[in-house]
Amino acid sequence: MAAGVDAELSVNTTALTLPLRFLEWMGRNARWTLVAGIFGALLFQGLGETLRPLLPWFVGMIYALAMMRIDLPSMARRALHPTRALRTLGLSFAIIVVTPTVLWLIALVLGLPPEMRTALVYAHTAPPIASSAGICLLMGLDAVLALEISIVASLITPIVGPIVVLVLLGDTVALDGIALAGRLALIILGGTLAAIAIRRILTPNRIERNRIAFDGVTAIGMLFFLLPVFDGVVARVIASPLIAFWLLALIAITNFGMQFLAHRATRRIADDATAGATGILWGNRNVTLFLASVPDSPLFSLYVALYQFPMYFTPLVMRRLYAIRNRAFTAS
């Protein structure tokens, strides 16, 4: 009898250990997992159309995966401190108002086509990606700062975003700010409630002990998000390879360039964790947010799909650049 119970416990332990080891392997290799996954997602184009209606759920899931690893009540208390709240609001407005304005002016001076200018404005009027905190956790950066700013920027975007678009682009697309605000609020609220429930069930200590495995869970969650976004991207690239090449070049330059500049500017007044998180927030945006607002723009749809490449390469590329920058900073 006892031998049978011991054998059953051994089987159950093995059944739990193998998935945990797999998730830990994914977590330790998360930078490479994201890079491999973005190419792997291209092989499952058929799933994209099916999963596209679930995109808001995937965004909520990504918020939940980051929030469940953070002490939310403590974060809320710190976030509501007047000085910190003012800093968060200031950075949020700079990200979603100043950045698209500057990029629009540069694009105008360079003579970029109107559709590319429009794509730049829409992409950079969007708030930071929901997974910015998750990426910061993978890279050992300030995930709390990333979560605070991504939430605040997401909540004020429906109010500020349509104004920025109207001023820079004219009355090209009528954005429904109220509907947009409602969707974002529901996504963030859903992610928050899910995170609180998961944190209560698993307990903070257990989550902390298995943080590497949860890095793997975060990476897997980000890969699922790719499937609906990549819907039809291969066909669009084959139809317009030259446009796709120039769009990807534009996206990579703006994404990595803003990350590096934001990191370098912030590093003068803050530590590496804060500076790195600021770079992640500035360069990586929730470009899918306005996708439904410009349904007749194949170029913007292609822009959104190609935008995922530098975003998912961020943990690999920027970690190396930050390391080079930090060595130079230390040597000086």
Protein backbone atom coordinates (compact mmCIF):
# COMPACT_ATOMS: atom_id res chain seq x y z
CA MET A 1 0.00 0.00 0.00
CA ALA A 2 2.74 2.43 1.07
CA ALA A 3 4.84 1.47 -1.92
CA GLY A 4 1.91 2.26 -4.22
CA VAL A 5 1.43 5.70 -2.66
CA ASP A 6 5.17 6.45 -2.94
CA ALA A 7 5.14 5.44 -6.60
CA GLU A 8 2.12 7.66 -7.29
CA LEU A 9 3.78 10.64 -5.55
CA SER A 10 6.95 10.03 -7.57
CA VAL A 11 4.98 10.07 -10.83
CA ASN A 12 3.16 13.26 -9.83
CA THR A 13 6.41 14.97 -8.83
CA THR A 14 8.02 14.02 -12.14
CA ALA A 15 4.95 15.25 -14.02
CA LEU A 16 5.33 18.65 -12.33
CA THR A 17 9.13 18.80 -12.51
CA LEU A 18 9.42 18.32 -16.27
CA PRO A 19 7.16 21.30 -17.22
CA LEU A 20 8.87 23.43 -14.56
CA ARG A 21 12.30 22.58 -15.96
CA PHE A 22 11.07 23.39 -19.45
CA LEU A 23 9.74 26.79 -18.30
CA GLU A 24 13.03 27.49 -16.48
CA TRP A 25 14.94 26.66 -19.66
CA MET A 26 12.64 29.01 -21.57
CA GLY A 27 13.19 31.70 -18.93
CA ARG A 28 16.98 31.40 -18.95
CA ASN A 29 16.96 31.60 -22.74
CA ALA A 30 14.06 34.08 -23.04
CA ARG A 31 16.01 36.50 -25.26
CA TRP A 32 16.66 33.77 -27.82
CA THR A 33 13.19 32.26 -27.34
CA LEU A 34 11.56 35.54 -28.42
CA VAL A 35 13.82 35.84 -31.46
CA ALA A 36 13.19 32.22 -32.53
CA GLY A 37 9.49 32.54 -31.73
CA ILE A 38 8.95 35.55 -33.97
CA PHE A 39 10.15 33.51 -36.95
CA GLY A 40 8.28 30.44 -35.77
CA ALA A 41 5.04 32.45 -35.59
CA LEU A 42 5.37 33.12 -39.32
CA LEU A 43 4.84 29.40 -39.92
CA PHE A 44 1.38 29.46 -38.32
CA GLN A 45 -0.27 32.10 -40.48
CA GLY A 46 -3.51 30.13 -40.55
CA LEU A 47 -4.06 30.65 -36.82
CA GLY A 48 -3.76 34.43 -37.05
CA GLU A 49 -7.20 35.12 -38.47
CA THR A 50 -8.82 32.73 -35.98
CA LEU A 51 -7.10 34.27 -32.97
CA ARG A 52 -7.45 37.91 -34.05
CA PRO A 53 -10.68 38.50 -32.04
CA LEU A 54 -8.78 37.31 -28.95
CA LEU A 55 -6.10 40.02 -29.25
CA PRO A 56 -7.50 42.11 -26.33
CA TRP A 57 -7.43 38.96 -24.17
CA PHE A 58 -3.79 38.38 -25.05
CA VAL A 59 -2.94 41.97 -24.08
CA GLY A 60 -4.75 41.51 -20.76
CA MET A 61 -2.84 38.27 -20.23
CA ILE A 62 0.48 40.03 -20.77
CA TYR A 63 -0.46 42.69 -18.22
CA ALA A 64 -1.43 39.94 -15.77
CA LEU A 65 1.87 38.06 -16.24
CA ALA A 66 3.80 41.20 -15.28
CA MET A 67 1.49 42.35 -12.46
CA MET A 68 1.43 38.96 -10.74
CA ARG A 69 5.16 39.31 -10.02
CA ILE A 70 4.86 42.77 -8.46
CA ASP A 71 3.51 43.84 -5.07
CA LEU A 72 0.63 45.89 -6.48
CA PRO A 73 -0.55 47.56 -3.22
CA SER A 74 3.00 48.72 -2.48
CA MET A 75 3.41 49.92 -6.08
CA ALA A 76 0.13 51.84 -5.88
CA ARG A 77 1.19 53.60 -2.66
CA ARG A 78 4.49 54.69 -4.20
CA ALA A 79 2.84 55.66 -7.48
CA LEU A 80 0.39 57.98 -5.69
CA HIS A 81 3.18 59.97 -4.01
CA PRO A 82 2.92 63.48 -5.55
CA THR A 83 6.51 63.60 -6.79
CA ARG A 84 6.40 60.14 -8.38
CA ALA A 85 2.91 60.71 -9.82
CA LEU A 86 4.08 63.96 -11.42
CA ARG A 87 7.13 62.22 -12.89
CA THR A 88 4.97 59.40 -14.27
CA LEU A 89 2.52 61.83 -15.87
CA GLY A 90 5.35 63.92 -17.31
CA LEU A 91 7.07 60.93 -18.87
CA SER A 92 3.76 59.60 -20.19
CA PHE A 93 2.96 62.89 -21.94
CA ALA A 94 6.50 63.11 -23.32
CA ILE A 95 6.20 59.59 -24.73
CA ILE A 96 2.80 59.99 -26.41
CA VAL A 97 2.85 63.71 -27.32
CA VAL A 98 6.42 65.00 -27.72
CA THR A 99 7.82 61.92 -29.48
CA PRO A 100 5.28 61.68 -32.35
CA THR A 101 5.53 65.45 -32.87
CA VAL A 102 9.32 65.34 -33.18
CA LEU A 103 9.22 62.29 -35.46
CA TRP A 104 6.56 63.92 -37.66
CA LEU A 105 8.76 67.01 -38.06
CA ILE A 106 11.81 64.89 -38.91
CA ALA A 107 9.79 62.83 -41.40
CA LEU A 108 8.50 66.05 -42.98
CA VAL A 109 12.03 67.46 -43.35
CA LEU A 110 13.27 64.16 -44.82
CA GLY A 111 10.39 64.13 -47.30
CA LEU A 112 8.98 60.75 -46.30
CA PRO A 113 5.74 59.78 -48.09
CA PRO A 114 2.49 60.82 -46.35
CA GLU A 115 1.54 57.21 -45.52
CA MET A 116 4.85 56.65 -43.74
CA ARG A 117 4.41 59.90 -41.78
CA THR A 118 0.93 58.75 -40.81
CA ALA A 119 2.25 55.36 -39.66
CA LEU A 120 4.96 57.04 -37.57
CA VAL A 121 2.44 59.33 -35.86
CA TYR A 122 -0.02 56.54 -35.09
CA ALA A 123 2.70 54.19 -33.84
CA HIS A 124 4.30 56.74 -31.51
CA THR A 125 1.10 58.30 -30.26
CA ALA A 126 0.39 54.84 -28.86
CA PRO A 127 1.40 54.08 -25.25
CA PRO A 128 4.22 51.68 -24.35
CA ILE A 129 3.52 48.00 -24.92
CA ALA A 130 1.74 45.98 -22.24
CA SER A 131 4.73 43.64 -22.12
CA SER A 132 7.21 46.44 -21.28
CA ALA A 133 7.19 45.37 -17.62
CA GLY A 134 7.63 41.73 -18.66
CA ILE A 135 10.60 42.63 -20.88
CA CYS A 136 12.10 44.61 -17.99
CA LEU A 137 11.73 41.56 -15.74
CA LEU A 138 13.53 39.45 -18.34
CA MET A 139 16.36 42.01 -18.53
CA GLY A 140 16.62 42.80 -14.80
CA LEU A 141 15.40 46.39 -15.25
CA ASP A 142 12.89 48.48 -13.27
CA ALA A 143 9.66 46.61 -14.01
CA VAL A 144 7.65 48.68 -11.49
CA LEU A 145 8.45 51.93 -13.31
CA ALA A 146 7.63 50.28 -16.64
CA LEU A 147 4.28 49.04 -15.34
CA GLU A 148 3.33 52.41 -13.83
CA ILE A 149 4.08 54.39 -16.98
CA SER A 150 2.57 51.85 -19.40
CA ILE A 151 -0.71 51.86 -17.41
CA VAL A 152 -0.90 55.65 -17.00
CA ALA A 153 0.05 56.30 -20.63
CA SER A 154 -2.54 53.75 -21.78
CA LEU A 155 -5.26 55.44 -19.75
CA ILE A 156 -4.55 58.96 -21.02
CA THR A 157 -3.97 57.94 -24.65
CA PRO A 158 -7.70 57.85 -25.56
CA ILE A 159 -7.94 61.48 -24.39
CA VAL A 160 -4.65 62.84 -25.69
CA GLY A 161 -4.07 60.56 -28.71
CA PRO A 162 -6.95 61.82 -30.90
CA ILE A 163 -5.82 65.42 -30.28
CA VAL A 164 -2.23 64.64 -31.33
CA VAL A 165 -3.45 62.81 -34.44
CA LEU A 166 -5.82 65.68 -35.34
CA VAL A 167 -3.12 68.36 -34.94
CA LEU A 168 -0.43 66.48 -36.87
CA LEU A 169 -2.45 64.67 -39.52
CA GLY A 170 -5.67 66.63 -39.75
CA ASP A 171 -9.10 65.03 -39.67
CA THR A 172 -7.91 61.93 -41.51
CA VAL A 173 -9.41 59.33 -39.18
CA ALA A 174 -12.04 59.89 -36.52
CA LEU A 175 -10.83 58.14 -33.37
CA ASP A 176 -13.53 57.18 -30.89
CA GLY A 177 -11.73 58.14 -27.69
CA ILE A 178 -14.55 56.99 -25.40
CA ALA A 179 -14.74 53.51 -26.92
CA LEU A 180 -10.94 53.28 -26.92
CA ALA A 181 -10.78 54.32 -23.25
CA GLY A 182 -13.41 51.74 -22.35
CA ARG A 183 -11.54 48.92 -24.09
CA LEU A 184 -8.22 49.85 -22.49
CA ALA A 185 -9.74 50.21 -19.03
CA LEU A 186 -11.35 46.78 -19.31
CA ILE A 187 -8.10 45.20 -20.52
CA ILE A 188 -6.07 46.73 -17.67
CA LEU A 189 -8.75 45.94 -15.07
CA GLY A 190 -9.02 42.36 -16.30
CA GLY A 191 -5.24 41.93 -16.18
CA THR A 192 -5.10 43.42 -12.68
CA LEU A 193 -7.84 41.16 -11.28
CA ALA A 194 -6.26 38.10 -12.89
CA ALA A 195 -2.87 39.02 -11.42
CA ILE A 196 -4.31 39.50 -7.92
CA ALA A 197 -6.09 36.15 -8.12
CA ILE A 198 -2.99 34.30 -9.38
CA ARG A 199 -0.76 35.98 -6.78
CA ARG A 200 -3.17 34.97 -4.01
CA ILE A 201 -3.39 31.36 -5.22
CA LEU A 202 0.33 30.82 -5.86
CA THR A 203 1.59 33.16 -3.07
CA PRO A 204 4.32 35.79 -3.59
CA ASN A 205 7.06 33.58 -2.09
CA ARG A 206 6.38 30.75 -4.51
CA ILE A 207 6.32 33.15 -7.45
CA GLU A 208 9.65 34.65 -6.37
CA ARG A 209 11.24 31.21 -5.91
CA ASN A 210 10.21 30.26 -9.43
CA ARG A 211 10.91 33.63 -11.06
CA ILE A 212 13.02 32.06 -13.84
CA ALA A 213 10.15 29.73 -14.73
CA PHE A 214 7.81 32.72 -14.82
CA ASP A 215 10.25 34.44 -17.20
CA GLY A 216 9.55 31.44 -19.43
CA VAL A 217 5.79 31.87 -19.00
CA THR A 218 6.14 35.56 -19.95
CA ALA A 219 8.09 34.63 -23.09
CA ILE A 220 5.43 32.09 -24.10
CA GLY A 221 2.67 34.65 -23.49
CA MET A 222 4.43 37.15 -25.73
CA LEU A 223 4.74 34.53 -28.48
CA PHE A 224 0.99 33.82 -28.42
CA PHE A 225 0.40 37.55 -28.88
CA LEU A 226 2.27 37.38 -32.20
CA LEU A 227 -0.12 34.99 -33.92
CA PRO A 228 -3.07 37.37 -34.51
CA VAL A 229 -0.73 40.30 -35.25
CA PHE A 230 1.08 38.31 -37.97
CA ASP A 231 -2.15 37.46 -39.76
CA GLY A 232 -1.40 37.78 -43.51
CA VAL A 233 2.03 39.41 -43.08
CA VAL A 234 3.89 36.97 -45.36
CA ALA A 235 1.52 37.67 -48.26
CA ARG A 236 1.89 41.43 -47.78
CA VAL A 237 5.70 41.22 -47.70
CA ILE A 238 5.74 39.08 -50.87
CA ALA A 239 3.40 41.55 -52.60
CA SER A 240 5.52 44.60 -51.69
CA PRO A 241 9.05 43.47 -50.71
CA LEU A 242 10.72 46.87 -51.30
CA ILE A 243 8.15 48.75 -49.22
CA ALA A 244 8.48 46.09 -46.51
CA PHE A 245 12.27 46.54 -46.48
CA TRP A 246 12.09 50.32 -46.10
CA LEU A 247 9.37 50.08 -43.48
CA LEU A 248 11.41 47.61 -41.44
CA ALA A 249 14.47 49.86 -41.71
CA LEU A 250 12.42 52.88 -40.55
CA ILE A 251 10.93 50.90 -37.66
CA ALA A 252 14.29 49.53 -36.51
CA ILE A 253 15.96 52.94 -36.61
CA THR A 254 13.18 54.68 -34.66
CA ASN A 255 12.70 51.85 -32.16
CA PHE A 256 16.33 51.11 -31.27
CA GLY A 257 17.36 54.75 -31.73
CA MET A 258 14.80 56.04 -29.24
CA GLN A 259 15.63 53.26 -26.79
CA PHE A 260 19.31 54.11 -26.87
CA LEU A 261 18.80 57.89 -26.68
CA ALA A 262 16.29 57.61 -23.81
CA HIS A 263 18.63 55.26 -21.94
CA ARG A 264 21.61 57.54 -22.46
CA ALA A 265 19.71 60.67 -21.36
CA THR A 266 18.22 58.99 -18.28
CA ARG A 267 21.52 57.35 -17.31
CA ARG A 268 22.89 60.81 -16.46
CA ILE A 269 20.41 61.18 -13.59
CA ALA A 270 19.41 57.60 -12.69
CA ASP A 271 20.76 54.07 -12.36
CA ASP A 272 20.95 51.46 -15.11
CA ALA A 273 17.70 49.73 -14.10
CA THR A 274 15.71 52.95 -14.38
CA ALA A 275 17.49 54.11 -17.54
CA GLY A 276 17.01 50.75 -19.24
CA ALA A 277 13.30 50.67 -18.37
CA THR A 278 12.90 54.20 -19.74
CA GLY A 279 14.49 53.10 -23.01
CA ILE A 280 12.17 50.09 -23.26
CA LEU A 281 9.13 52.33 -22.71
CA TRP A 282 10.20 54.99 -25.20
CA GLY A 283 11.02 52.69 -28.07
CA ASN A 284 8.38 49.97 -27.86
CA ARG A 285 4.76 50.99 -28.41
CA ASN A 286 1.38 49.29 -28.50
CA VAL A 287 1.01 49.91 -32.22
CA THR A 288 -1.91 47.48 -32.49
CA LEU A 289 -4.01 50.00 -30.54
CA PHE A 290 -4.91 52.13 -33.57
CA LEU A 291 -5.02 49.25 -36.06
CA ALA A 292 -8.82 49.13 -36.06
CA SER A 293 -8.95 52.89 -36.64
CA VAL A 294 -7.17 52.71 -39.99
CA PRO A 295 -8.65 49.55 -41.57
CA ASP A 296 -8.13 50.79 -45.14
CA SER A 297 -4.37 51.26 -44.80
CA PRO A 298 -2.45 48.16 -45.95
CA LEU A 299 0.80 50.02 -45.25
CA PHE A 300 -0.08 50.62 -41.61
CA SER A 301 -1.16 46.98 -41.20
CA LEU A 302 2.23 45.94 -42.58
CA TYR A 303 3.92 48.50 -40.29
CA VAL A 304 2.21 46.96 -37.25
CA ALA A 305 3.31 43.44 -38.20
CA LEU A 306 6.93 44.41 -38.96
CA TYR A 307 7.07 46.47 -35.76
CA GLN A 308 7.11 43.21 -33.81
CA PHE A 309 10.61 42.34 -35.09
CA PRO A 310 12.66 45.06 -33.32
CA MET A 311 10.33 44.79 -30.32
CA TYR A 312 11.00 41.07 -29.86
CA PHE A 313 14.70 41.56 -30.62
CA THR A 314 14.89 44.20 -27.85
CA PRO A 315 16.03 41.89 -24.99
CA LEU A 316 18.80 40.51 -27.18
CA VAL A 317 20.00 43.65 -28.98
CA MET A 318 19.56 46.31 -26.30
CA ARG A 319 21.08 44.21 -23.55
CA ARG A 320 24.26 44.05 -25.59
CA LEU A 321 24.17 47.78 -26.34
CA TYR A 322 23.52 48.62 -22.68
CA ALA A 323 26.43 46.40 -21.69
CA ILE A 324 28.72 48.24 -24.13
CA ARG A 325 27.44 51.59 -22.88
CA ASN A 326 27.90 50.58 -19.23
CA ARG A 327 31.48 49.40 -19.81
CA ALA A 328 32.30 52.70 -21.50
CA PHE A 329 30.61 54.62 -18.68
CA THR A 330 32.59 52.69 -16.06
CA ALA A 331 35.87 53.16 -17.92
CA SER A 332 35.35 56.92 -18.12
